[in-house]
Amino acid sequence: MIDLNQLIMPFCFHVYLVNVVLQWLHLWVL
């Protein structure tokens, strides 16, 4: 049995980081 929290938490954190980086790049390009 896989512990979902160990998969979901890092995944959500990764998605959050990707969104932050994309926003930064978007602002930097503009």
N, C-alpha and C. Protein backbone atom coordinates (compact mmCIF):
# COMPACT_ATOMS: atom_id res chain seq x y z
N MET A 1 0.85 -1.20 0.00
CA MET A 1 0.00 0.00 0.00
C MET A 1 0.88 1.25 0.00
N ILE A 2 0.63 2.11 -0.94
CA ILE A 2 1.42 3.34 -1.03
C ILE A 2 0.76 4.43 -0.19
N ASP A 3 1.56 5.16 0.55
CA ASP A 3 1.04 6.26 1.35
C ASP A 3 0.80 7.46 0.43
N LEU A 4 -0.47 7.79 0.25
CA LEU A 4 -0.80 8.88 -0.68
C LEU A 4 -0.21 10.21 -0.27
N ASN A 5 -0.13 10.46 1.03
CA ASN A 5 0.42 11.74 1.48
C ASN A 5 1.84 11.93 0.99
N GLN A 6 2.60 10.84 0.92
CA GLN A 6 3.99 10.95 0.48
C GLN A 6 4.06 11.27 -1.01
N LEU A 7 2.98 11.01 -1.73
CA LEU A 7 2.96 11.34 -3.16
C LEU A 7 2.31 12.69 -3.41
N ILE A 8 1.22 12.94 -2.71
CA ILE A 8 0.45 14.17 -2.96
C ILE A 8 1.18 15.41 -2.49
N MET A 9 1.74 15.38 -1.30
CA MET A 9 2.40 16.57 -0.77
C MET A 9 3.55 17.04 -1.66
N PRO A 10 4.50 16.19 -2.03
CA PRO A 10 5.58 16.63 -2.92
C PRO A 10 5.05 17.08 -4.28
N PHE A 11 4.01 16.42 -4.76
CA PHE A 11 3.45 16.79 -6.06
C PHE A 11 2.85 18.19 -6.00
N CYS A 12 2.07 18.47 -4.95
CA CYS A 12 1.46 19.81 -4.81
C CYS A 12 2.55 20.86 -4.67
N PHE A 13 3.58 20.54 -3.91
CA PHE A 13 4.68 21.48 -3.71
C PHE A 13 5.40 21.74 -5.03
N HIS A 14 5.58 20.70 -5.81
CA HIS A 14 6.25 20.83 -7.10
C HIS A 14 5.42 21.70 -8.04
N VAL A 15 4.12 21.47 -8.07
CA VAL A 15 3.23 22.28 -8.92
C VAL A 15 3.29 23.74 -8.49
N TYR A 16 3.31 23.96 -7.18
CA TYR A 16 3.38 25.33 -6.67
C TYR A 16 4.68 26.00 -7.11
N LEU A 17 5.78 25.29 -7.01
CA LEU A 17 7.07 25.85 -7.42
C LEU A 17 7.08 26.15 -8.91
N VAL A 18 6.53 25.26 -9.71
CA VAL A 18 6.49 25.48 -11.16
C VAL A 18 5.68 26.73 -11.48
N ASN A 19 4.55 26.90 -10.79
CA ASN A 19 3.72 28.10 -11.04
C ASN A 19 4.47 29.36 -10.67
N VAL A 20 5.19 29.34 -9.56
CA VAL A 20 5.95 30.52 -9.14
C VAL A 20 7.04 30.84 -10.16
N VAL A 21 7.74 29.81 -10.61
CA VAL A 21 8.82 30.02 -11.58
C VAL A 21 8.25 30.57 -12.90
N LEU A 22 7.12 30.02 -13.33
CA LEU A 22 6.53 30.50 -14.58
C LEU A 22 6.09 31.95 -14.45
N GLN A 23 5.55 32.33 -13.32
CA GLN A 23 5.15 33.72 -13.12
C GLN A 23 6.38 34.63 -13.14
N TRP A 24 7.45 34.18 -12.50
CA TRP A 24 8.68 34.96 -12.49
C TRP A 24 9.22 35.15 -13.90
N LEU A 25 9.24 34.06 -14.67
CA LEU A 25 9.74 34.14 -16.04
C LEU A 25 8.86 35.06 -16.88
N HIS A 26 7.57 34.97 -16.67
CA HIS A 26 6.64 35.81 -17.43
C HIS A 26 6.90 37.29 -17.13
N LEU A 27 7.07 37.62 -15.87
CA LEU A 27 7.35 39.01 -15.50
C LEU A 27 8.70 39.45 -16.05
N TRP A 28 9.67 38.54 -15.99
CA TRP A 28 11.02 38.88 -16.43
C TRP A 28 11.06 39.12 -17.94
N VAL A 29 10.31 38.30 -18.69
CA VAL A 29 10.28 38.44 -20.15
C VAL A 29 9.58 39.74 -20.53
N LEU A 30 8.49 40.06 -19.84
CA LEU A 30 7.78 41.31 -20.13
C LEU A 30 8.59 42.49 -19.65
